[in-house]
Amino acid sequence: MPTTQLVILSRESGREGELAPIGDRADLIRQLQDRNTGPERDGDDVLYGPGIEIQLPPHEDPIRQMILLITDEDIAWTVILRLARELKWKISDPYSGRELKP
């Protein structure tokens, strides 16, 4: 089964020509760990959660975009919608151009 790849962005508008920051790296990792999503080891750039993987850009702080991989379609969408709503994310499908802003 192919993995679905999406992009996580801030709902806020950035300065012209720039993406708005989603958040500081440490704060973002802490917020996600509080929601059952985190790295296998401290310092890793891949965070694992129920049905999803979130890839952080290496050495970027603040974080401006992340890659979201759906690894289990049956449970991922509930998790994605909750995270996007609580953390004020915009989820973008780079292939279709559709955006989700719960």
C-alpha atoms as a PDB file:
ATOM      1  CA  MET A   1       0.000   0.000   0.000  1.00  0.00           C
ATOM      2  CA  PRO A   2       1.522   3.367  -0.962  1.00  0.00           C
ATOM      3  CA  THR A   3       2.181   5.883   1.769  1.00  0.00           C
ATOM      4  CA  THR A   4       0.342   9.198   1.531  1.00  0.00           C
ATOM      5  CA  GLN A   5       2.596  12.232   1.884  1.00  0.00           C
ATOM      6  CA  LEU A   6       1.252  15.612   3.009  1.00  0.00           C
ATOM      7  CA  VAL A   7       2.818  18.911   4.103  1.00  0.00           C
ATOM      8  CA  ILE A   8       2.143  20.586   7.459  1.00  0.00           C
ATOM      9  CA  LEU A   9       2.179  24.382   7.456  1.00  0.00           C
ATOM     10  CA  SER A  10       1.130  27.156   9.811  1.00  0.00           C
ATOM     11  CA  ARG A  11      -2.342  28.638   9.326  1.00  0.00           C
ATOM     12  CA  GLU A  12      -0.794  32.071   9.883  1.00  0.00           C
ATOM     13  CA  SER A  13       0.437  34.164   6.973  1.00  0.00           C
ATOM     14  CA  GLY A  14       4.155  34.751   6.760  1.00  0.00           C
ATOM     15  CA  ARG A  15       5.954  37.773   5.431  1.00  0.00           C
ATOM     16  CA  GLU A  16       5.821  38.052   1.681  1.00  0.00           C
ATOM     17  CA  GLY A  17       7.822  35.239   0.124  1.00  0.00           C
ATOM     18  CA  GLU A  18       8.241  33.355   3.436  1.00  0.00           C
ATOM     19  CA  LEU A  19       6.377  30.614   5.218  1.00  0.00           C
ATOM     20  CA  ALA A  20       5.113  31.489   8.697  1.00  0.00           C
ATOM     21  CA  PRO A  21       6.761  29.444  11.455  1.00  0.00           C
ATOM     22  CA  ILE A  22       4.785  26.544  12.888  1.00  0.00           C
ATOM     23  CA  GLY A  23       6.753  26.862  16.117  1.00  0.00           C
ATOM     24  CA  ASP A  24      10.074  26.527  17.869  1.00  0.00           C
ATOM     25  CA  ARG A  25      11.568  23.059  17.449  1.00  0.00           C
ATOM     26  CA  ALA A  26      11.711  22.201  21.184  1.00  0.00           C
ATOM     27  CA  ASP A  27       8.170  23.494  21.844  1.00  0.00           C
ATOM     28  CA  LEU A  28       6.796  21.634  18.840  1.00  0.00           C
ATOM     29  CA  ILE A  29       8.406  18.349  19.888  1.00  0.00           C
ATOM     30  CA  ARG A  30       7.089  18.795  23.446  1.00  0.00           C
ATOM     31  CA  GLN A  31       3.552  19.565  22.195  1.00  0.00           C
ATOM     32  CA  LEU A  32       3.606  16.477  19.990  1.00  0.00           C
ATOM     33  CA  GLN A  33       5.005  14.248  22.742  1.00  0.00           C
ATOM     34  CA  ASP A  34       2.077  15.357  24.927  1.00  0.00           C
ATOM     35  CA  ARG A  35      -0.129  13.987  22.119  1.00  0.00           C
ATOM     36  CA  ASN A  36       1.543  10.558  21.814  1.00  0.00           C
ATOM     37  CA  THR A  37       3.851  11.500  18.916  1.00  0.00           C
ATOM     38  CA  GLY A  38       7.605  11.668  19.299  1.00  0.00           C
ATOM     39  CA  PRO A  39      11.064  10.550  18.174  1.00  0.00           C
ATOM     40  CA  GLU A  40      12.536   7.138  18.941  1.00  0.00           C
ATOM     41  CA  ARG A  41      15.620   8.901  20.342  1.00  0.00           C
ATOM     42  CA  ASP A  42      16.275  12.472  21.446  1.00  0.00           C
ATOM     43  CA  GLY A  43      17.511  14.547  18.543  1.00  0.00           C
ATOM     44  CA  ASP A  44      15.886  12.439  15.802  1.00  0.00           C
ATOM     45  CA  ASP A  45      14.118  14.309  13.013  1.00  0.00           C
ATOM     46  CA  VAL A  46      11.334  11.730  12.557  1.00  0.00           C
ATOM     47  CA  LEU A  47       8.431  11.660  15.017  1.00  0.00           C
ATOM     48  CA  TYR A  48       6.164   8.612  15.227  1.00  0.00           C
ATOM     49  CA  GLY A  49       2.521   8.678  16.209  1.00  0.00           C
ATOM     50  CA  PRO A  50      -0.564   6.530  15.757  1.00  0.00           C
ATOM     51  CA  GLY A  51      -0.761   5.871  12.004  1.00  0.00           C
ATOM     52  CA  ILE A  52       1.606   8.726  11.108  1.00  0.00           C
ATOM     53  CA  GLU A  53       5.212   9.843  10.825  1.00  0.00           C
ATOM     54  CA  ILE A  54       6.197  13.500  10.911  1.00  0.00           C
ATOM     55  CA  GLN A  55       9.531  14.460   9.371  1.00  0.00           C
ATOM     56  CA  LEU A  56      11.130  17.633  10.719  1.00  0.00           C
ATOM     57  CA  PRO A  57      13.594  19.531   8.555  1.00  0.00           C
ATOM     58  CA  PRO A  58      17.094  18.897   9.964  1.00  0.00           C
ATOM     59  CA  HIS A  59      18.703  21.793  11.821  1.00  0.00           C
ATOM     60  CA  GLU A  60      15.769  24.191  11.221  1.00  0.00           C
ATOM     61  CA  ASP A  61      14.528  26.283  14.145  1.00  0.00           C
ATOM     62  CA  PRO A  62      11.876  27.617  14.086  1.00  0.00           C
ATOM     63  CA  ILE A  63      10.115  24.967  12.006  1.00  0.00           C
ATOM     64  CA  ARG A  64       8.295  26.358   8.942  1.00  0.00           C
ATOM     65  CA  GLN A  65       7.029  23.137   7.359  1.00  0.00           C
ATOM     66  CA  MET A  66       7.013  19.416   8.057  1.00  0.00           C
ATOM     67  CA  ILE A  67       6.312  16.319   5.989  1.00  0.00           C
ATOM     68  CA  LEU A  68       3.467  14.095   7.216  1.00  0.00           C
ATOM     69  CA  LEU A  69       3.386  10.453   6.138  1.00  0.00           C
ATOM     70  CA  ILE A  70       0.284   8.353   6.672  1.00  0.00           C
ATOM     71  CA  THR A  71       1.393   4.844   7.638  1.00  0.00           C
ATOM     72  CA  ASP A  72      -1.985   3.430   8.729  1.00  0.00           C
ATOM     73  CA  GLU A  73      -4.965   4.886   6.883  1.00  0.00           C
ATOM     74  CA  ASP A  74      -7.448   3.326   9.350  1.00  0.00           C
ATOM     75  CA  ILE A  75      -6.371   5.456  12.310  1.00  0.00           C
ATOM     76  CA  ALA A  76      -4.326   8.304  10.836  1.00  0.00           C
ATOM     77  CA  TRP A  77      -7.108  10.718   9.873  1.00  0.00           C
ATOM     78  CA  THR A  78      -8.525  10.934  13.381  1.00  0.00           C
ATOM     79  CA  VAL A  79      -5.029  11.716  14.680  1.00  0.00           C
ATOM     80  CA  ILE A  80      -4.269  14.218  11.889  1.00  0.00           C
ATOM     81  CA  LEU A  81      -7.519  16.131  12.359  1.00  0.00           C
ATOM     82  CA  ARG A  82      -7.025  16.347  16.130  1.00  0.00           C
ATOM     83  CA  LEU A  83      -3.403  17.524  15.805  1.00  0.00           C
ATOM     84  CA  ALA A  84      -4.253  20.065  13.103  1.00  0.00           C
ATOM     85  CA  ARG A  85      -7.150  21.474  15.110  1.00  0.00           C
ATOM     86  CA  GLU A  86      -5.304  21.662  18.444  1.00  0.00           C
ATOM     87  CA  LEU A  87      -1.987  22.930  17.042  1.00  0.00           C
ATOM     88  CA  LYS A  88      -3.537  25.248  14.414  1.00  0.00           C
ATOM     89  CA  TRP A  89      -1.950  23.568  11.408  1.00  0.00           C
ATOM     90  CA  LYS A  90      -2.845  23.700   7.755  1.00  0.00           C
ATOM     91  CA  ILE A  91      -2.404  20.352   5.970  1.00  0.00           C
ATOM     92  CA  SER A  92      -1.601  20.564   2.271  1.00  0.00           C
ATOM     93  CA  ASP A  93      -1.592  17.852  -0.386  1.00  0.00           C
ATOM     94  CA  PRO A  94       1.321  18.802  -2.672  1.00  0.00           C
ATOM     95  CA  TYR A  95      -0.042  16.660  -5.506  1.00  0.00           C
ATOM     96  CA  SER A  96      -3.624  17.939  -5.691  1.00  0.00           C
ATOM     97  CA  GLY A  97      -3.113  21.386  -4.132  1.00  0.00           C
ATOM     98  CA  ARG A  98      -5.991  20.791  -1.699  1.00  0.00           C
ATOM     99  CA  GLU A  99      -5.693  22.163   1.839  1.00  0.00           C
ATOM    100  CA  LEU A 100      -7.270  21.100   5.100  1.00  0.00           C
ATOM    101  CA  LYS A 101      -7.715  23.682   7.878  1.00  0.00           C
ATOM    102  CA  PRO A 102      -9.764  22.036  10.653  1.00  0.00           C
END
